[in-house]
């Protein structure tokens, strides 16, 4: 079975996410392919360290992420993988998928059942790896992480935020995708994009600058209903556990939309924290 890793990235060096994500993808892939969205941090040494095939964008264009994914997909498909695995660079595959043989067994079962798309539950770690958020729809998102190569994979790029990140599987728009969910908690997609105050604030200002408004934006910084549950060590891959530190006490609410609206940028918000 031939598996290709698929990622799109902008920076994520200083926060450690890029190396974390590439480690995760390489655990199950024969080759990792990356579209770099004109990063300003020193990404090239990391791509070289992980022997990635990289397309370098000339200008950062977050709103064109599906167009860039189509460009990358065209390159990946030349290598004729049986499966493609994708996740955002601020996430990693859970413990079940750090083992190649176990991953192949899972995908072989999908093939036997005619499954083309395998969804993993997105676990939103919140201000710590040891807590995850469950209120305000933070605990009901599943991502299409494993894509079977149907020979017809393609995107129809749309310049909007939060579109489906997996491609279309058939040229016939009326032909449904055969999809399934991987239910065991050890196979969740572990999302670190909200695992620190800085990352939460960065996302808020990025989406605000990209035109997002209202509830979809404000819920990122609305902890008025904050509900957290403890994450379990066995959900994390063994290679990551030594870096996680000790589980601390539950983080108290500290983000509120009315406060965040006072700041013009992440840099201004960050300065106010000191």
C-alpha atoms as a PDB file:
ATOM      1  CA  UNK A   1       0.000   0.000   0.000  1.00  0.00           C
ATOM      2  CA  UNK A   2       1.380   3.403  -0.996  1.00  0.00           C
ATOM      3  CA  UNK A   3       0.418   6.362   1.209  1.00  0.00           C
ATOM      4  CA  UNK A   4       1.201  10.033   0.558  1.00  0.00           C
ATOM      5  CA  UNK A   5       1.255  12.713   3.246  1.00  0.00           C
ATOM      6  CA  UNK A   6      -0.382  16.033   2.294  1.00  0.00           C
ATOM      7  CA  UNK A   7       0.013  19.371   4.110  1.00  0.00           C
ATOM      8  CA  UNK A   8      -0.307  23.101   3.621  1.00  0.00           C
ATOM      9  CA  UNK A   9       1.778  25.373   5.811  1.00  0.00           C
ATOM     10  CA  UNK A  10       2.557  28.977   6.715  1.00  0.00           C
ATOM     11  CA  UNK A  11       5.416  29.325   9.234  1.00  0.00           C
ATOM     12  CA  UNK A  12       4.729  27.170  12.348  1.00  0.00           C
ATOM     13  CA  UNK A  13       8.430  26.919  13.134  1.00  0.00           C
ATOM     14  CA  UNK A  14       8.665  28.933  16.361  1.00  0.00           C
ATOM     15  CA  UNK A  15       5.637  27.174  17.874  1.00  0.00           C
ATOM     16  CA  UNK A  16       6.992  23.741  16.937  1.00  0.00           C
ATOM     17  CA  UNK A  17       3.882  22.726  14.993  1.00  0.00           C
ATOM     18  CA  UNK A  18       5.634  22.130  11.669  1.00  0.00           C
ATOM     19  CA  UNK A  19       8.067  19.511  12.977  1.00  0.00           C
ATOM     20  CA  UNK A  20       5.303  17.934  15.027  1.00  0.00           C
ATOM     21  CA  UNK A  21       3.003  17.614  11.999  1.00  0.00           C
ATOM     22  CA  UNK A  22       5.715  16.296   9.679  1.00  0.00           C
ATOM     23  CA  UNK A  23       6.705  13.683  12.248  1.00  0.00           C
ATOM     24  CA  UNK A  24       3.074  12.605  12.425  1.00  0.00           C
ATOM     25  CA  UNK A  25       2.667  12.399   8.643  1.00  0.00           C
ATOM     26  CA  UNK A  26       5.920  10.502   8.141  1.00  0.00           C
ATOM     27  CA  UNK A  27       4.815   7.797  10.588  1.00  0.00           C
ATOM     28  CA  UNK A  28       2.262   6.612   8.022  1.00  0.00           C
ATOM     29  CA  UNK A  29       3.519   7.980   4.665  1.00  0.00           C
ATOM     30  CA  UNK A  30       5.960   6.965   1.961  1.00  0.00           C
ATOM     31  CA  UNK A  31       6.453  10.609   0.979  1.00  0.00           C
ATOM     32  CA  UNK A  32       5.225  13.909   2.401  1.00  0.00           C
ATOM     33  CA  UNK A  33       4.157  16.743   0.079  1.00  0.00           C
ATOM     34  CA  UNK A  34       3.766  20.343   1.292  1.00  0.00           C
ATOM     35  CA  UNK A  35       2.442  23.569  -0.166  1.00  0.00           C
ATOM     36  CA  UNK A  36       4.245  26.405   1.629  1.00  0.00           C
ATOM     37  CA  UNK A  37       2.184  29.588   1.644  1.00  0.00           C
ATOM     38  CA  UNK A  38       5.139  32.039   1.439  1.00  0.00           C
ATOM     39  CA  UNK A  39       6.383  31.450   4.981  1.00  0.00           C
ATOM     40  CA  UNK A  40       8.556  34.118   6.608  1.00  0.00           C
ATOM     41  CA  UNK A  41      10.107  31.776   9.190  1.00  0.00           C
ATOM     42  CA  UNK A  42      13.005  29.407   8.436  1.00  0.00           C
ATOM     43  CA  UNK A  43      10.942  26.524   7.050  1.00  0.00           C
ATOM     44  CA  UNK A  44      13.346  25.227   4.398  1.00  0.00           C
ATOM     45  CA  UNK A  45      15.781  23.466   6.776  1.00  0.00           C
ATOM     46  CA  UNK A  46      12.845  21.638   8.338  1.00  0.00           C
ATOM     47  CA  UNK A  47      11.434  20.558   4.977  1.00  0.00           C
ATOM     48  CA  UNK A  48      14.900  19.324   4.018  1.00  0.00           C
ATOM     49  CA  UNK A  49      15.288  17.490   7.335  1.00  0.00           C
ATOM     50  CA  UNK A  50      12.048  15.610   6.634  1.00  0.00           C
ATOM     51  CA  UNK A  51      12.799  15.112   2.923  1.00  0.00           C
ATOM     52  CA  UNK A  52       9.547  16.766   1.859  1.00  0.00           C
ATOM     53  CA  UNK A  53       8.477  17.577  -1.681  1.00  0.00           C
ATOM     54  CA  UNK A  54       7.559  21.261  -1.428  1.00  0.00           C
ATOM     55  CA  UNK A  55       5.716  23.746  -3.627  1.00  0.00           C
ATOM     56  CA  UNK A  56       6.641  27.280  -2.553  1.00  0.00           C
ATOM     57  CA  UNK A  57       4.002  29.963  -2.967  1.00  0.00           C
ATOM     58  CA  UNK A  58       5.224  33.444  -3.922  1.00  0.00           C
ATOM     59  CA  UNK A  59       2.658  35.400  -1.878  1.00  0.00           C
ATOM     60  CA  UNK A  60       0.802  34.489   1.293  1.00  0.00           C
ATOM     61  CA  UNK A  61      -2.840  33.990   0.334  1.00  0.00           C
ATOM     62  CA  UNK A  62      -4.738  32.233   3.098  1.00  0.00           C
ATOM     63  CA  UNK A  63      -8.096  32.648   1.327  1.00  0.00           C
ATOM     64  CA  UNK A  64      -6.805  30.635  -1.668  1.00  0.00           C
ATOM     65  CA  UNK A  65      -6.080  27.488   0.336  1.00  0.00           C
ATOM     66  CA  UNK A  66      -8.205  25.222  -1.900  1.00  0.00           C
ATOM     67  CA  UNK A  67      -6.507  26.526  -5.043  1.00  0.00           C
ATOM     68  CA  UNK A  68      -3.150  25.722  -3.471  1.00  0.00           C
ATOM     69  CA  UNK A  69      -4.376  22.298  -2.420  1.00  0.00           C
ATOM     70  CA  UNK A  70      -5.346  21.577  -6.030  1.00  0.00           C
ATOM     71  CA  UNK A  71      -1.840  22.544  -7.160  1.00  0.00           C
ATOM     72  CA  UNK A  72      -0.338  20.218  -4.558  1.00  0.00           C
ATOM     73  CA  UNK A  73      -2.791  17.425  -5.293  1.00  0.00           C
ATOM     74  CA  UNK A  74      -1.755  17.472  -8.962  1.00  0.00           C
ATOM     75  CA  UNK A  75       1.836  16.795  -7.882  1.00  0.00           C
ATOM     76  CA  UNK A  76       0.883  14.098  -5.386  1.00  0.00           C
ATOM     77  CA  UNK A  77      -1.221  12.172  -7.906  1.00  0.00           C
ATOM     78  CA  UNK A  78       1.747  11.834 -10.261  1.00  0.00           C
ATOM     79  CA  UNK A  79       3.221   9.491  -7.639  1.00  0.00           C
ATOM     80  CA  UNK A  80       0.102   7.287  -7.838  1.00  0.00           C
ATOM     81  CA  UNK A  81      -0.592   6.729  -4.131  1.00  0.00           C
ATOM     82  CA  UNK A  82      -3.314   4.336  -3.001  1.00  0.00           C
ATOM     83  CA  UNK A  83      -4.233   6.691  -0.159  1.00  0.00           C
ATOM     84  CA  UNK A  84      -3.521  10.296   0.789  1.00  0.00           C
ATOM     85  CA  UNK A  85      -3.479  11.441   4.409  1.00  0.00           C
ATOM     86  CA  UNK A  86      -3.989  15.118   5.229  1.00  0.00           C
ATOM     87  CA  UNK A  87      -4.266  17.212   8.350  1.00  0.00           C
ATOM     88  CA  UNK A  88      -3.597  20.824   9.282  1.00  0.00           C
ATOM     89  CA  UNK A  89      -0.083  21.559  10.483  1.00  0.00           C
ATOM     90  CA  UNK A  90      -1.368  22.486  13.940  1.00  0.00           C
ATOM     91  CA  UNK A  91      -2.698  18.933  14.392  1.00  0.00           C
ATOM     92  CA  UNK A  92      -1.287  15.403  14.599  1.00  0.00           C
ATOM     93  CA  UNK A  93      -2.637  11.894  14.208  1.00  0.00           C
ATOM     94  CA  UNK A  94      -3.517  10.110  17.441  1.00  0.00           C
ATOM     95  CA  UNK A  95      -1.809   7.032  18.874  1.00  0.00           C
ATOM     96  CA  UNK A  96      -3.557   4.503  16.628  1.00  0.00           C
ATOM     97  CA  UNK A  97      -2.078   6.109  13.525  1.00  0.00           C
ATOM     98  CA  UNK A  98       1.538   6.377  14.664  1.00  0.00           C
ATOM     99  CA  UNK A  99       1.986   2.740  13.589  1.00  0.00           C
ATOM    100  CA  UNK A 100       2.251   2.092   9.840  1.00  0.00           C
ATOM    101  CA  UNK A 101       1.104  -1.525   9.978  1.00  0.00           C
ATOM    102  CA  UNK A 102      -1.938  -0.615  12.063  1.00  0.00           C
ATOM    103  CA  UNK A 103      -2.746   2.231   9.680  1.00  0.00           C
ATOM    104  CA  UNK A 104      -2.519  -0.029   6.633  1.00  0.00           C
ATOM    105  CA  UNK A 105      -4.782  -2.556   8.322  1.00  0.00           C
ATOM    106  CA  UNK A 106      -7.375   0.169   8.974  1.00  0.00           C
ATOM    107  CA  UNK A 107      -7.209   1.420   5.383  1.00  0.00           C
ATOM    108  CA  UNK A 108      -7.375  -2.120   4.008  1.00  0.00           C
ATOM    109  CA  UNK A 109     -10.616  -2.580   5.963  1.00  0.00           C
ATOM    110  CA  UNK A 110     -11.894   0.640   4.386  1.00  0.00           C
ATOM    111  CA  UNK A 111     -11.046  -0.693   0.930  1.00  0.00           C
ATOM    112  CA  UNK A 112     -12.797  -3.982   1.668  1.00  0.00           C
ATOM    113  CA  UNK A 113     -15.919  -2.033   2.606  1.00  0.00           C
ATOM    114  CA  UNK A 114     -15.759   0.363  -0.330  1.00  0.00           C
ATOM    115  CA  UNK A 115     -14.880   3.353   1.870  1.00  0.00           C
ATOM    116  CA  UNK A 116     -13.212   6.243   0.041  1.00  0.00           C
ATOM    117  CA  UNK A 117     -13.024   8.813   2.824  1.00  0.00           C
ATOM    118  CA  UNK A 118     -12.179   8.193   6.483  1.00  0.00           C
ATOM    119  CA  UNK A 119     -13.090  10.870   9.018  1.00  0.00           C
ATOM    120  CA  UNK A 120     -11.293  11.354  12.334  1.00  0.00           C
ATOM    121  CA  UNK A 121     -12.796  13.272  15.236  1.00  0.00           C
ATOM    122  CA  UNK A 122     -11.118  16.649  15.731  1.00  0.00           C
ATOM    123  CA  UNK A 123     -10.169  16.967  19.412  1.00  0.00           C
ATOM    124  CA  UNK A 124      -9.746  20.664  20.204  1.00  0.00           C
ATOM    125  CA  UNK A 125      -7.097  20.815  22.922  1.00  0.00           C
ATOM    126  CA  UNK A 126      -7.724  24.022  24.821  1.00  0.00           C
ATOM    127  CA  UNK A 127      -4.955  26.141  26.356  1.00  0.00           C
ATOM    128  CA  UNK A 128      -3.172  22.913  27.334  1.00  0.00           C
ATOM    129  CA  UNK A 129      -2.668  19.450  25.827  1.00  0.00           C
ATOM    130  CA  UNK A 130      -4.393  18.000  28.877  1.00  0.00           C
ATOM    131  CA  UNK A 131      -7.815  19.613  28.419  1.00  0.00           C
ATOM    132  CA  UNK A 132     -10.184  19.737  25.452  1.00  0.00           C
ATOM    133  CA  UNK A 133     -13.174  21.968  24.863  1.00  0.00           C
ATOM    134  CA  UNK A 134     -16.726  20.625  24.491  1.00  0.00           C
ATOM    135  CA  UNK A 135     -19.054  23.671  24.556  1.00  0.00           C
ATOM    136  CA  UNK A 136     -20.105  25.902  21.622  1.00  0.00           C
ATOM    137  CA  UNK A 137     -19.766  23.113  19.028  1.00  0.00           C
ATOM    138  CA  UNK A 138     -16.060  22.581  19.703  1.00  0.00           C
ATOM    139  CA  UNK A 139     -16.537  18.845  20.193  1.00  0.00           C
ATOM    140  CA  UNK A 140     -18.625  17.818  17.189  1.00  0.00           C
ATOM    141  CA  UNK A 141     -16.267  18.297  14.240  1.00  0.00           C
ATOM    142  CA  UNK A 142     -14.901  15.427  12.147  1.00  0.00           C
ATOM    143  CA  UNK A 143     -12.205  15.912   9.502  1.00  0.00           C
ATOM    144  CA  UNK A 144     -11.798  13.840   6.331  1.00  0.00           C
ATOM    145  CA  UNK A 145      -8.180  12.790   6.940  1.00  0.00           C
ATOM    146  CA  UNK A 146      -7.649   9.719   4.737  1.00  0.00           C
ATOM    147  CA  UNK A 147      -8.570   9.891   1.033  1.00  0.00           C
ATOM    148  CA  UNK A 148      -8.591   6.859  -1.227  1.00  0.00           C
ATOM    149  CA  UNK A 149      -7.216   7.567  -4.689  1.00  0.00           C
ATOM    150  CA  UNK A 150     -10.231   7.001  -6.933  1.00  0.00           C
ATOM    151  CA  UNK A 151      -8.395   8.217 -10.029  1.00  0.00           C
ATOM    152  CA  UNK A 152     -10.699  11.250 -10.088  1.00  0.00           C
ATOM    153  CA  UNK A 153      -9.599  13.280  -7.041  1.00  0.00           C
ATOM    154  CA  UNK A 154      -9.820  17.032  -7.644  1.00  0.00           C
ATOM    155  CA  UNK A 155     -10.820  20.340  -6.084  1.00  0.00           C
ATOM    156  CA  UNK A 156     -13.142  23.025  -7.378  1.00  0.00           C
ATOM    157  CA  UNK A 157     -11.427  25.910  -5.558  1.00  0.00           C
ATOM    158  CA  UNK A 158     -13.599  28.464  -3.762  1.00  0.00           C
ATOM    159  CA  UNK A 159     -12.016  31.575  -2.225  1.00  0.00           C
ATOM    160  CA  UNK A 160     -13.790  31.370   1.127  1.00  0.00           C
ATOM    161  CA  UNK A 161     -12.773  30.371   4.640  1.00  0.00           C
ATOM    162  CA  UNK A 162     -13.627  27.032   6.203  1.00  0.00           C
ATOM    163  CA  UNK A 163     -14.456  25.042   3.096  1.00  0.00           C
ATOM    164  CA  UNK A 164     -14.218  21.251   3.100  1.00  0.00           C
ATOM    165  CA  UNK A 165     -10.532  20.488   2.981  1.00  0.00           C
ATOM    166  CA  UNK A 166     -10.776  17.106   1.312  1.00  0.00           C
ATOM    167  CA  UNK A 167     -11.186  16.933  -2.489  1.00  0.00           C
ATOM    168  CA  UNK A 168     -14.035  15.766  -4.664  1.00  0.00           C
ATOM    169  CA  UNK A 169     -13.732  12.032  -5.277  1.00  0.00           C
ATOM    170  CA  UNK A 170     -15.642  11.745  -8.568  1.00  0.00           C
ATOM    171  CA  UNK A 171     -16.166  13.862 -11.667  1.00  0.00           C
ATOM    172  CA  UNK A 172     -19.873  13.028 -11.568  1.00  0.00           C
ATOM    173  CA  UNK A 173     -21.274  15.505  -8.975  1.00  0.00           C
ATOM    174  CA  UNK A 174     -24.227  13.213  -8.321  1.00  0.00           C
ATOM    175  CA  UNK A 175     -22.097  10.258  -7.319  1.00  0.00           C
ATOM    176  CA  UNK A 176     -21.865  10.201  -3.498  1.00  0.00           C
ATOM    177  CA  UNK A 177     -18.641   9.756  -1.547  1.00  0.00           C
ATOM    178  CA  UNK A 178     -18.596   6.568   0.492  1.00  0.00           C
ATOM    179  CA  UNK A 179     -17.347   7.775   3.875  1.00  0.00           C
ATOM    180  CA  UNK A 180     -16.922   6.415   7.373  1.00  0.00           C
ATOM    181  CA  UNK A 181     -15.838   7.602  10.831  1.00  0.00           C
ATOM    182  CA  UNK A 182     -13.027   6.082  12.877  1.00  0.00           C
ATOM    183  CA  UNK A 183     -14.598   5.833  16.322  1.00  0.00           C
ATOM    184  CA  UNK A 184     -11.803   4.688  18.738  1.00  0.00           C
ATOM    185  CA  UNK A 185     -10.515   7.614  20.821  1.00  0.00           C
ATOM    186  CA  UNK A 186      -6.911   6.564  20.192  1.00  0.00           C
ATOM    187  CA  UNK A 187      -7.440   7.537  16.553  1.00  0.00           C
ATOM    188  CA  UNK A 188      -8.595  11.102  17.066  1.00  0.00           C
ATOM    189  CA  UNK A 189      -7.035  14.044  15.274  1.00  0.00           C
ATOM    190  CA  UNK A 190      -5.295  15.988  18.048  1.00  0.00           C
ATOM    191  CA  UNK A 191      -5.626  19.697  17.310  1.00  0.00           C
ATOM    192  CA  UNK A 192      -3.054  21.947  19.036  1.00  0.00           C
ATOM    193  CA  UNK A 193      -4.241  25.138  17.351  1.00  0.00           C
ATOM    194  CA  UNK A 194      -6.047  26.256  20.513  1.00  0.00           C
ATOM    195  CA  UNK A 195      -3.631  24.679  23.004  1.00  0.00           C
ATOM    196  CA  UNK A 196      -2.136  28.006  24.128  1.00  0.00           C
ATOM    197  CA  UNK A 197      -3.401  31.545  24.643  1.00  0.00           C
ATOM    198  CA  UNK A 198      -1.134  32.849  21.884  1.00  0.00           C
ATOM    199  CA  UNK A 199      -2.445  30.377  19.300  1.00  0.00           C
ATOM    200  CA  UNK A 200      -6.063  31.218  20.146  1.00  0.00           C
ATOM    201  CA  UNK A 201      -5.365  34.936  19.768  1.00  0.00           C
ATOM    202  CA  UNK A 202      -3.443  34.433  16.494  1.00  0.00           C
ATOM    203  CA  UNK A 203      -6.377  32.557  14.984  1.00  0.00           C
ATOM    204  CA  UNK A 204      -8.826  35.210  16.119  1.00  0.00           C
ATOM    205  CA  UNK A 205      -6.883  38.059  14.501  1.00  0.00           C
ATOM    206  CA  UNK A 206      -6.136  36.052  11.341  1.00  0.00           C
ATOM    207  CA  UNK A 207      -9.787  35.173  10.762  1.00  0.00           C
ATOM    208  CA  UNK A 208     -10.912  38.694  11.624  1.00  0.00           C
ATOM    209  CA  UNK A 209      -8.464  40.137   9.086  1.00  0.00           C
ATOM    210  CA  UNK A 210      -9.777  37.632   6.533  1.00  0.00           C
ATOM    211  CA  UNK A 211     -13.314  38.979   6.886  1.00  0.00           C
ATOM    212  CA  UNK A 212     -14.892  36.605   9.373  1.00  0.00           C
ATOM    213  CA  UNK A 213     -17.414  38.192  11.749  1.00  0.00           C
ATOM    214  CA  UNK A 214     -20.142  37.338  14.243  1.00  0.00           C
ATOM    215  CA  UNK A 215     -20.512  34.068  16.109  1.00  0.00           C
ATOM    216  CA  UNK A 216     -18.042  32.018  13.999  1.00  0.00           C
ATOM    217  CA  UNK A 217     -15.330  34.541  14.904  1.00  0.00           C
ATOM    218  CA  UNK A 218     -16.341  35.444  18.449  1.00  0.00           C
ATOM    219  CA  UNK A 219     -16.691  31.888  19.686  1.00  0.00           C
ATOM    220  CA  UNK A 220     -12.900  31.539  19.358  1.00  0.00           C
ATOM    221  CA  UNK A 221     -12.506  34.037  22.182  1.00  0.00           C
ATOM    222  CA  UNK A 222     -15.766  33.522  24.073  1.00  0.00           C
ATOM    223  CA  UNK A 223     -15.116  31.511  27.223  1.00  0.00           C
ATOM    224  CA  UNK A 224     -18.333  32.586  28.949  1.00  0.00           C
ATOM    225  CA  UNK A 225     -19.629  29.010  28.632  1.00  0.00           C
ATOM    226  CA  UNK A 226     -16.230  27.297  28.781  1.00  0.00           C
ATOM    227  CA  UNK A 227     -16.545  23.556  29.400  1.00  0.00           C
ATOM    228  CA  UNK A 228     -13.398  21.445  29.427  1.00  0.00           C
ATOM    229  CA  UNK A 229     -12.812  17.708  29.772  1.00  0.00           C
ATOM    230  CA  UNK A 230      -9.483  16.006  30.553  1.00  0.00           C
ATOM    231  CA  UNK A 231      -7.587  14.403  27.682  1.00  0.00           C
ATOM    232  CA  UNK A 232      -5.939  11.014  28.216  1.00  0.00           C
ATOM    233  CA  UNK A 233      -2.242  10.191  27.778  1.00  0.00           C
ATOM    234  CA  UNK A 234      -3.026   7.087  25.700  1.00  0.00           C
ATOM    235  CA  UNK A 235      -4.665   9.258  23.030  1.00  0.00           C
ATOM    236  CA  UNK A 236      -1.292  10.817  22.186  1.00  0.00           C
ATOM    237  CA  UNK A 237       1.363   9.032  20.099  1.00  0.00           C
ATOM    238  CA  UNK A 238       4.204   7.666  22.161  1.00  0.00           C
ATOM    239  CA  UNK A 239       6.802   9.821  20.371  1.00  0.00           C
ATOM    240  CA  UNK A 240       5.077  12.992  21.610  1.00  0.00           C
ATOM    241  CA  UNK A 241       4.267  12.098  25.229  1.00  0.00           C
ATOM    242  CA  UNK A 242       7.654  13.023  26.741  1.00  0.00           C
ATOM    243  CA  UNK A 243       7.229  16.631  25.546  1.00  0.00           C
ATOM    244  CA  UNK A 244       3.752  17.200  26.965  1.00  0.00           C
ATOM    245  CA  UNK A 245       4.735  17.879  30.560  1.00  0.00           C
ATOM    246  CA  UNK A 246       2.548  17.307  33.574  1.00  0.00           C
ATOM    247  CA  UNK A 247      -1.200  17.815  33.512  1.00  0.00           C
ATOM    248  CA  UNK A 248      -2.026  21.031  35.339  1.00  0.00           C
ATOM    249  CA  UNK A 249      -5.232  22.363  36.833  1.00  0.00           C
ATOM    250  CA  UNK A 250      -8.153  23.234  34.605  1.00  0.00           C
ATOM    251  CA  UNK A 251      -7.609  26.595  32.825  1.00  0.00           C
ATOM    252  CA  UNK A 252     -10.064  29.272  34.026  1.00  0.00           C
ATOM    253  CA  UNK A 253     -11.890  31.489  31.487  1.00  0.00           C
ATOM    254  CA  UNK A 254      -9.842  34.468  30.316  1.00  0.00           C
ATOM    255  CA  UNK A 255     -11.033  35.252  26.745  1.00  0.00           C
ATOM    256  CA  UNK A 256     -14.072  37.400  25.964  1.00  0.00           C
ATOM    257  CA  UNK A 257     -15.077  39.004  22.623  1.00  0.00           C
ATOM    258  CA  UNK A 258     -15.652  42.503  24.031  1.00  0.00           C
ATOM    259  CA  UNK A 259     -12.089  42.560  25.345  1.00  0.00           C
ATOM    260  CA  UNK A 260     -10.516  41.215  22.153  1.00  0.00           C
ATOM    261  CA  UNK A 261     -12.342  43.792  20.012  1.00  0.00           C
ATOM    262  CA  UNK A 262     -10.264  46.492  21.712  1.00  0.00           C
ATOM    263  CA  UNK A 263      -7.081  45.297  20.031  1.00  0.00           C
ATOM    264  CA  UNK A 264      -6.132  46.049  16.431  1.00  0.00           C
ATOM    265  CA  UNK A 265      -3.695  43.160  16.033  1.00  0.00           C
ATOM    266  CA  UNK A 266      -2.121  40.142  17.673  1.00  0.00           C
ATOM    267  CA  UNK A 267       1.007  42.186  18.371  1.00  0.00           C
ATOM    268  CA  UNK A 268      -1.015  44.821  20.230  1.00  0.00           C
ATOM    269  CA  UNK A 269      -2.839  42.136  22.210  1.00  0.00           C
ATOM    270  CA  UNK A 270       0.464  40.399  23.033  1.00  0.00           C
ATOM    271  CA  UNK A 271       2.035  43.613  24.262  1.00  0.00           C
ATOM    272  CA  UNK A 272      -0.890  44.121  26.620  1.00  0.00           C
ATOM    273  CA  UNK A 273      -0.293  40.736  28.211  1.00  0.00           C
ATOM    274  CA  UNK A 274       3.120  41.767  29.575  1.00  0.00           C
END
